[in-house]
Amino acid sequence: MDNEIQDQADFAQNISIAISRRKAFEMAAKLGLGSAALAGGLGTGMAANPPEAGGGLPKKNYKFVYVCHLTSSQFFTPTIYGIQDACVFLGCSYQWTGSKNSVVSEMVNAMQTAIAGKADGIAVCLIDATAFDAPTSTALAAGIPVIGYNADVPAGSPNKRLCFVGQPHYETGYSIANRWLKLVPKGSHVMLSIQSPGTLNFQPRLDGYIQAIKDAGNPITYDVINSSVDQATIISRIESYYLSHKDVAGMFGTGGGDTYACGLVSAKYGLAKNGVIVAGFDMFPQTLGYIHTGDMTFTTDQQPYLQGFVPLLQMYLYKLSGGAVAPADTNTSLTYVTKDNVDLYLGKSRFEGSTSAEPT
C-alpha cells in the first residue's frame, strides 16, 4: 500500500498546469483517483516541506479578486467554476467583478476597490494597452500580486503584471485564418466580425485574420463588421450582413458571442449546404451544437476553466511563499473542435460550463 500511495503522489507531481484539465482528470480516473485525491496529490508534490499535521498545501483564507470585461458572458462560466474549484482546494475566497460591457473605466474602478479592500491578489483581463498600468503598479507597491488573464498587454508594455494566463490572441487568429483560408475558394468574399474593436482580446485576433489573408497573397476579399458585445445585437447585425451579402463564402467570428451568432445564421439559412465556411472562437454550448449538426465548420478552445483555476493557484503560491514562487506565463492552448471530435465536448461538463456539478 505504501508503494501505491507513493506512486500516486509521484503521478500527481508530474502533472503540470500545461496539461489540459481533461487529460489530468482522465489520467487520474485510470488510476482510481477522484478529483479530491488528485488535488491532494498535487499538493503533496508541490510542497517541499509539507506540514507534519496533515501534509499537502495548507488552506488559507486569502481573498482574490477577478476583474473581467464581460462579467455576464457565458464564456466565463467555466472560468468561474475553475476559480471555485481552486478555492475549495486551497481554502480561499473570491470576488467576480468588473464590467458587463467592456467599459474600461468600470474595470479600473474595480481594481482600485480591490486594492483599497486589501485583496490578497488580483487577476484582470488586460483589454486596454495603458489603462491598467497605474492600478497594477499601485497594487504591486501594496504587496498585492496582479496577474493578467484572457487578454494581455502588448509586448514591451510598461505594465508590471506578474504573468499572463491565456491564449496568445494574434498568433491564434493567424493560425485559425490559415485553416479556413484553405477551405474558402480563392477570389471569394468573406465576413470578419469583431465584438469590441480595439480591445486586446478581440482586436489581435482580427489582426491575425487580416495578416494571414495578406500573407496568402490576398486570395479573398473581406468586410469587417462591428458586431457589438450585446448578444441580441450581435445576432441581428450578423444576420443583416448575410441578408445583404448572400454571396458570402465564409463568416468568421473573433469571440464566443459572434461565433455563436454566425452558427445560428448558418443554421437558419442552410449556409453549410451551400458550401459556406463558418468558424471562430470559443465553446458556447450553442456553438458546439452547430458543429455537431454540421452548420459550423470548426471552433477554437482556449480552455476558460484554466483561465480561472491557474491564476488563483499562482496567486495563492505567490502569497504563501512570500513571492518566492513567482507566477509564470501559461499558454492555455489552441485546440480545434470539429465534427470529428465534438462529441468529446457535448456531454455535461463543468470544464466547459454546461453543468455546475463537481467532477467525481
Protein backbone atom coordinates (compact mmCIF):
# COMPACT_ATOMS: atom_id res chain seq x y z
CA MET A 1 0.00 0.00 0.00
CA ASP A 2 2.88 2.39 0.78
CA ASN A 3 4.26 1.90 -2.73
CA GLU A 4 0.85 2.54 -4.25
CA ILE A 5 0.48 5.80 -2.34
CA GLN A 6 3.95 6.89 -3.39
CA ASP A 7 3.19 6.06 -7.00
CA GLN A 8 0.07 8.19 -6.84
CA ALA A 9 1.99 11.09 -5.33
CA ASP A 10 4.68 10.78 -7.99
CA PHE A 11 2.00 10.74 -10.68
CA ALA A 12 0.39 13.89 -9.33
CA GLN A 13 3.72 15.66 -9.02
CA ASN A 14 4.44 15.15 -12.69
CA ILE A 15 1.19 16.73 -13.83
CA SER A 16 1.96 20.29 -14.92
CA ILE A 17 -0.53 23.08 -15.37
CA ALA A 18 0.29 22.99 -19.08
CA ILE A 19 -1.56 19.67 -19.40
CA SER A 20 -5.24 20.16 -20.16
CA ARG A 21 -7.60 19.60 -17.29
CA ARG A 22 -9.38 16.88 -19.26
CA LYS A 23 -6.24 14.82 -19.59
CA ALA A 24 -5.34 15.30 -15.95
CA PHE A 25 -8.70 14.03 -14.69
CA GLU A 26 -8.77 11.25 -17.30
CA MET A 27 -5.35 10.03 -16.16
CA ALA A 28 -6.44 10.29 -12.53
CA ALA A 29 -9.55 8.23 -13.25
CA LYS A 30 -7.48 5.44 -14.78
CA LEU A 31 -5.50 5.23 -11.56
CA GLY A 32 -8.63 5.25 -9.43
CA LEU A 33 -8.14 8.81 -8.17
CA GLY A 34 -11.05 11.21 -7.77
CA SER A 35 -10.71 14.98 -8.12
CA ALA A 36 -10.15 15.44 -4.40
CA ALA A 37 -7.38 12.83 -4.40
CA LEU A 38 -5.84 14.46 -7.46
CA ALA A 39 -5.83 17.81 -5.69
CA GLY A 40 -4.24 16.23 -2.64
CA GLY A 41 -1.60 14.58 -4.80
CA LEU A 42 -0.79 17.88 -6.44
CA GLY A 43 -0.39 19.44 -3.01
CA THR A 44 1.93 16.65 -1.91
CA GLY A 45 4.10 17.07 -4.96
CA MET A 46 4.31 20.87 -4.77
CA ALA A 47 5.03 21.31 -1.09
CA ALA A 48 8.74 20.86 -0.45
CA ASN A 49 8.17 20.62 3.29
CA PRO A 50 4.56 19.58 3.92
CA PRO A 51 3.14 20.38 7.37
CA GLU A 52 3.50 17.43 9.71
CA ALA A 53 -0.12 17.56 10.85
CA GLY A 54 -1.86 16.96 7.52
CA GLY A 55 0.52 17.18 4.61
CA GLY A 56 -0.17 18.97 1.36
CA LEU A 57 -0.75 22.67 0.87
CA PRO A 58 -2.37 24.48 3.81
CA LYS A 59 -5.77 26.05 3.38
CA LYS A 60 -5.57 29.82 3.64
CA ASN A 61 -8.36 32.35 3.86
CA TYR A 62 -6.91 34.51 1.10
CA LYS A 63 -9.36 36.64 -0.87
CA PHE A 64 -8.68 37.04 -4.59
CA VAL A 65 -10.47 39.44 -6.92
CA TYR A 66 -11.09 38.71 -10.61
CA VAL A 67 -11.74 41.75 -12.80
CA CYS A 68 -13.47 40.80 -16.05
CA HIS A 69 -14.58 42.81 -19.09
CA LEU A 70 -17.70 40.69 -19.76
CA THR A 71 -18.86 39.61 -16.33
CA SER A 72 -22.11 38.00 -17.50
CA SER A 73 -20.80 36.28 -20.65
CA GLN A 74 -21.38 32.54 -20.75
CA PHE A 75 -17.81 32.16 -21.99
CA PHE A 76 -16.63 32.82 -18.44
CA THR A 77 -18.93 30.29 -16.76
CA PRO A 78 -16.22 27.60 -16.73
CA THR A 79 -13.71 30.28 -15.67
CA ILE A 80 -15.79 30.89 -12.55
CA TYR A 81 -16.04 27.14 -11.95
CA GLY A 82 -12.24 26.95 -12.16
CA ILE A 83 -11.96 29.71 -9.57
CA GLN A 84 -14.45 27.99 -7.30
CA ASP A 85 -12.68 24.64 -7.54
CA ALA A 86 -9.32 26.20 -6.72
CA CYS A 87 -10.88 27.99 -3.75
CA VAL A 88 -12.26 24.70 -2.41
CA PHE A 89 -8.85 23.03 -2.76
CA LEU A 90 -6.97 25.88 -1.11
CA GLY A 91 -9.46 27.36 1.38
CA CYS A 92 -9.61 30.74 -0.38
CA SER A 93 -12.49 33.01 -1.41
CA TYR A 94 -13.01 35.17 -4.48
CA GLN A 95 -14.94 38.10 -5.92
CA TRP A 96 -16.03 38.27 -9.57
CA THR A 97 -16.31 41.89 -10.70
CA GLY A 98 -15.52 44.33 -13.50
CA SER A 99 -17.75 45.39 -16.37
CA LYS A 100 -20.67 43.79 -18.16
CA ASN A 101 -19.94 45.52 -21.47
CA SER A 102 -16.16 46.06 -21.70
CA VAL A 103 -16.22 49.52 -20.10
CA VAL A 104 -12.57 50.00 -19.16
CA SER A 105 -13.23 52.71 -16.56
CA GLU A 106 -15.52 50.31 -14.67
CA MET A 107 -12.76 47.70 -14.66
CA VAL A 108 -10.18 50.20 -13.40
CA ASN A 109 -12.58 51.23 -10.63
CA ALA A 110 -12.99 47.57 -9.70
CA MET A 111 -9.22 47.20 -9.43
CA GLN A 112 -8.98 50.29 -7.26
CA THR A 113 -11.72 48.95 -4.99
CA ALA A 114 -9.88 45.64 -4.68
CA ILE A 115 -6.67 47.46 -3.74
CA ALA A 116 -8.48 49.59 -1.16
CA GLY A 117 -10.06 46.43 0.24
CA LYS A 118 -6.60 44.86 0.63
CA ALA A 119 -7.24 41.89 -1.65
CA ASP A 120 -4.62 39.16 -1.49
CA GLY A 121 -4.33 39.09 -5.27
CA ILE A 122 -5.95 40.50 -8.40
CA ALA A 123 -6.48 38.76 -11.75
CA VAL A 124 -7.53 41.13 -14.53
CA CYS A 125 -8.43 40.91 -18.22
CA LEU A 126 -5.99 43.45 -19.67
CA ILE A 127 -8.11 44.58 -22.59
CA ASP A 128 -6.58 48.08 -22.80
CA ALA A 129 -2.94 48.85 -23.59
CA THR A 130 -2.44 51.54 -20.92
CA ALA A 131 -5.47 51.92 -18.62
CA PHE A 132 -4.39 49.24 -16.17
CA ASP A 133 -0.76 50.35 -15.80
CA ALA A 134 -1.31 52.68 -12.83
CA PRO A 135 -3.58 50.42 -10.75
CA THR A 136 -1.26 47.49 -11.42
CA SER A 137 1.71 49.46 -10.10
CA THR A 138 -0.32 50.62 -7.09
CA ALA A 139 -1.34 47.06 -6.28
CA LEU A 140 2.19 45.69 -6.55
CA ALA A 141 3.51 48.51 -4.36
CA ALA A 142 0.96 47.42 -1.74
CA GLY A 143 2.18 43.83 -1.94
CA ILE A 144 -0.81 42.62 -3.98
CA PRO A 145 0.14 40.34 -6.89
CA VAL A 146 -1.51 41.14 -10.23
CA ILE A 147 -1.95 38.51 -12.94
CA GLY A 148 -3.36 39.10 -16.41
CA TYR A 149 -5.78 36.51 -17.78
CA ASN A 150 -7.71 36.10 -21.03
CA ALA A 151 -6.33 39.35 -22.51
CA ASP A 152 -2.82 40.73 -22.22
CA VAL A 153 -0.91 43.96 -22.81
CA PRO A 154 1.35 44.16 -25.90
CA ALA A 155 4.96 43.02 -25.78
CA GLY A 156 7.19 45.76 -24.35
CA SER A 157 4.36 47.31 -22.35
CA PRO A 158 5.37 49.13 -19.15
CA ASN A 159 2.58 47.27 -17.34
CA LYS A 160 4.16 45.32 -14.48
CA ARG A 161 1.65 42.46 -14.20
CA LEU A 162 3.47 39.36 -12.99
CA CYS A 163 2.37 36.98 -15.74
CA PHE A 164 -0.34 36.18 -18.28
CA VAL A 165 -2.62 33.14 -18.31
CA GLY A 166 -4.47 32.64 -21.56
CA GLN A 167 -4.22 32.22 -25.29
CA PRO A 168 -1.86 34.32 -27.46
CA HIS A 169 -4.59 36.03 -29.46
CA TYR A 170 -2.75 37.33 -32.52
CA GLU A 171 -0.96 34.05 -33.18
CA THR A 172 -4.20 32.14 -32.67
CA GLY A 173 -6.11 34.41 -35.07
CA TYR A 174 -3.38 33.94 -37.65
CA SER A 175 -3.47 30.15 -37.26
CA ILE A 176 -7.27 29.98 -37.45
CA ALA A 177 -7.35 32.10 -40.61
CA ASN A 178 -4.77 29.87 -42.26
CA ARG A 179 -7.07 26.95 -41.52
CA TRP A 180 -10.20 28.47 -43.08
CA LEU A 181 -8.28 30.07 -45.95
CA LYS A 182 -7.68 26.54 -47.25
CA LEU A 183 -11.43 25.95 -47.30
CA VAL A 184 -12.86 29.07 -48.98
CA PRO A 185 -12.49 29.47 -52.77
CA LYS A 186 -9.84 31.91 -53.95
CA GLY A 187 -11.30 35.17 -55.12
CA SER A 188 -14.37 34.82 -52.90
CA HIS A 189 -15.68 37.24 -50.27
CA VAL A 190 -15.92 36.65 -46.51
CA MET A 191 -17.19 38.41 -43.41
CA LEU A 192 -14.99 39.02 -40.36
CA SER A 193 -16.70 40.03 -37.12
CA ILE A 194 -15.30 41.82 -34.08
CA GLN A 195 -17.35 42.39 -30.95
CA SER A 196 -15.30 45.21 -29.44
CA PRO A 197 -12.81 46.90 -31.80
CA GLY A 198 -9.51 47.92 -30.24
CA THR A 199 -9.68 45.73 -27.15
CA LEU A 200 -6.70 43.48 -26.54
CA ASN A 201 -8.62 40.21 -26.75
CA PHE A 202 -10.67 40.67 -29.94
CA GLN A 203 -8.50 43.09 -31.93
CA PRO A 204 -5.34 40.93 -32.03
CA ARG A 205 -7.41 38.01 -33.30
CA LEU A 206 -8.85 40.15 -36.09
CA ASP A 207 -5.36 41.47 -36.87
CA GLY A 208 -4.16 37.88 -37.13
CA TYR A 209 -7.01 37.06 -39.54
CA ILE A 210 -6.17 40.01 -41.77
CA GLN A 211 -2.43 39.39 -41.76
CA ALA A 212 -2.97 35.76 -42.75
CA ILE A 213 -5.11 36.92 -45.68
CA LYS A 214 -2.37 39.33 -46.76
CA ASP A 215 0.36 36.73 -46.42
CA ALA A 216 -1.67 34.32 -48.53
CA GLY A 217 -1.47 36.77 -51.44
CA ASN A 218 -4.91 38.32 -50.97
CA PRO A 219 -6.82 35.31 -52.38
CA ILE A 220 -10.08 36.70 -50.94
CA THR A 221 -11.78 39.98 -50.14
CA TYR A 222 -13.40 40.70 -46.81
CA ASP A 223 -15.62 43.02 -44.82
CA VAL A 224 -15.18 43.70 -41.10
CA ILE A 225 -18.32 44.35 -39.08
CA ASN A 226 -18.54 45.68 -35.54
CA SER A 227 -20.98 43.16 -34.11
CA SER A 228 -21.24 44.62 -30.55
CA VAL A 229 -20.89 42.91 -27.15
CA ASP A 230 -24.65 42.51 -26.65
CA GLN A 231 -25.73 39.07 -27.85
CA ALA A 232 -29.07 40.12 -29.37
CA THR A 233 -27.35 42.94 -31.26
CA ILE A 234 -24.60 40.59 -32.44
CA ILE A 235 -27.12 38.18 -33.92
CA SER A 236 -29.08 41.00 -35.57
CA ARG A 237 -26.03 42.58 -37.19
CA ILE A 238 -24.57 39.32 -38.48
CA GLU A 239 -27.94 38.21 -39.88
CA SER A 240 -28.43 41.61 -41.52
CA TYR A 241 -24.99 41.36 -43.07
CA TYR A 242 -25.74 37.95 -44.54
CA LEU A 243 -29.11 39.03 -45.96
CA SER A 244 -27.37 41.84 -47.85
CA HIS A 245 -24.37 39.70 -48.89
CA LYS A 246 -25.80 36.33 -49.83
CA ASP A 247 -22.77 35.53 -51.98
CA VAL A 248 -20.52 35.42 -48.88
CA ALA A 249 -18.26 32.35 -48.85
CA GLY A 250 -17.29 32.47 -45.18
CA MET A 251 -18.36 34.00 -41.86
CA PHE A 252 -15.77 34.19 -39.11
CA GLY A 253 -16.12 35.43 -35.53
CA THR A 254 -13.35 36.59 -33.23
CA GLY A 255 -15.20 35.88 -29.98
CA GLY A 256 -17.65 33.47 -28.43
CA GLY A 257 -20.73 35.61 -29.00
CA ASP A 258 -20.21 36.40 -32.67
CA THR A 259 -19.03 32.86 -33.46
CA TYR A 260 -22.25 31.51 -31.96
CA ALA A 261 -24.23 34.08 -33.98
CA CYS A 262 -22.51 33.00 -37.20
CA GLY A 263 -23.55 29.43 -36.46
CA LEU A 264 -27.11 30.49 -35.77
CA VAL A 265 -27.38 32.35 -39.07
CA SER A 266 -25.80 29.40 -40.88
CA ALA A 267 -28.33 27.01 -39.39
CA LYS A 268 -31.27 29.34 -40.06
CA TYR A 269 -30.47 29.78 -43.75
CA GLY A 270 -28.81 26.46 -44.52
CA LEU A 271 -25.47 28.03 -45.40
CA ALA A 272 -23.36 24.91 -44.87
CA LYS A 273 -25.32 23.09 -47.58
CA ASN A 274 -24.23 25.84 -49.97
CA GLY A 275 -20.57 25.45 -49.03
CA VAL A 276 -20.28 28.49 -46.75
CA ILE A 277 -17.47 28.06 -44.21
CA VAL A 278 -18.33 29.20 -40.67
CA ALA A 279 -15.75 29.22 -37.88
CA GLY A 280 -14.34 31.17 -34.96
CA PHE A 281 -13.63 31.05 -31.26
CA ASP A 282 -14.78 29.51 -28.01
CA MET A 283 -17.03 26.80 -26.71
CA PHE A 284 -20.52 28.19 -26.25
CA PRO A 285 -22.90 25.22 -25.93
CA GLN A 286 -24.84 26.57 -28.92
CA THR A 287 -21.65 26.67 -30.99
CA LEU A 288 -20.88 23.05 -30.15
CA GLY A 289 -24.41 22.15 -31.19
CA TYR A 290 -23.97 23.83 -34.58
CA ILE A 291 -20.72 21.96 -35.14
CA HIS A 292 -22.48 18.71 -34.28
CA THR A 293 -25.22 19.39 -36.85
CA GLY A 294 -22.70 20.46 -39.49
CA ASP A 295 -23.83 24.10 -39.59
CA MET A 296 -20.39 25.25 -38.42
CA THR A 297 -17.01 24.07 -39.67
CA PHE A 298 -14.93 24.46 -36.51
CA THR A 299 -14.33 26.49 -33.39
CA THR A 300 -11.34 27.00 -31.13
CA ASP A 301 -10.95 26.10 -27.45
CA GLN A 302 -8.82 28.34 -25.22
CA GLN A 303 -9.68 26.46 -22.01
CA PRO A 304 -11.52 29.10 -19.97
CA TYR A 305 -11.59 26.77 -16.95
CA LEU A 306 -7.81 27.01 -16.69
CA GLN A 307 -8.03 30.79 -17.01
CA GLY A 308 -9.82 30.75 -13.67
CA PHE A 309 -8.04 27.91 -11.89
CA VAL A 310 -4.42 28.70 -12.78
CA PRO A 311 -4.32 32.41 -11.80
CA LEU A 312 -5.79 31.59 -8.39
CA LEU A 313 -3.28 28.80 -7.84
CA GLN A 314 -0.42 31.08 -8.84
CA MET A 315 -1.59 33.96 -6.63
CA TYR A 316 -2.01 31.54 -3.72
CA LEU A 317 1.52 30.17 -4.14
CA TYR A 318 2.97 33.66 -4.50
CA LYS A 319 1.26 34.77 -1.32
CA LEU A 320 2.10 31.59 0.60
CA SER A 321 5.78 31.66 -0.39
CA GLY A 322 6.24 35.38 0.18
CA GLY A 323 6.97 35.84 -3.51
CA ALA A 324 9.49 33.03 -3.84
CA VAL A 325 7.15 31.11 -6.15
CA ALA A 326 6.75 33.66 -8.93
CA PRO A 327 3.73 33.45 -11.26
CA ALA A 328 4.61 32.10 -14.71
CA ASP A 329 3.12 32.77 -18.13
CA THR A 330 0.73 29.97 -19.08
CA ASN A 331 -0.47 29.37 -22.63
CA THR A 332 -3.91 27.77 -22.30
CA SER A 333 -3.62 26.24 -25.77
CA LEU A 334 -5.14 26.22 -29.22
CA THR A 335 -7.43 23.25 -29.83
CA TYR A 336 -9.66 22.93 -32.88
CA VAL A 337 -13.10 21.44 -32.34
CA THR A 338 -14.67 19.91 -35.45
CA LYS A 339 -17.45 17.47 -36.20
CA ASP A 340 -14.88 14.69 -35.84
CA ASN A 341 -14.15 15.40 -32.16
CA VAL A 342 -17.10 17.50 -30.95
CA ASP A 343 -18.67 14.54 -29.13
CA LEU A 344 -15.90 14.86 -26.52
CA TYR A 345 -17.26 18.31 -25.64
CA LEU A 346 -21.01 17.74 -25.90
CA GLY A 347 -21.50 15.86 -22.63
CA LYS A 348 -22.32 17.72 -19.42
CA SER A 349 -19.07 19.25 -18.25
CA ARG A 350 -18.08 21.67 -15.51
CA PHE A 351 -14.93 22.34 -17.52
CA GLU A 352 -16.87 23.80 -20.44
CA GLY A 353 -19.63 25.34 -18.33
CA SER A 354 -22.59 23.13 -19.20
CA THR A 355 -23.13 21.95 -15.62
CA SER A 356 -22.33 23.19 -12.12
CA ALA A 357 -21.78 19.64 -10.81
CA GLU A 358 -18.40 18.92 -9.27
CA PRO A 359 -16.29 16.24 -11.01
CA THR A 360 -16.19 12.84 -9.34
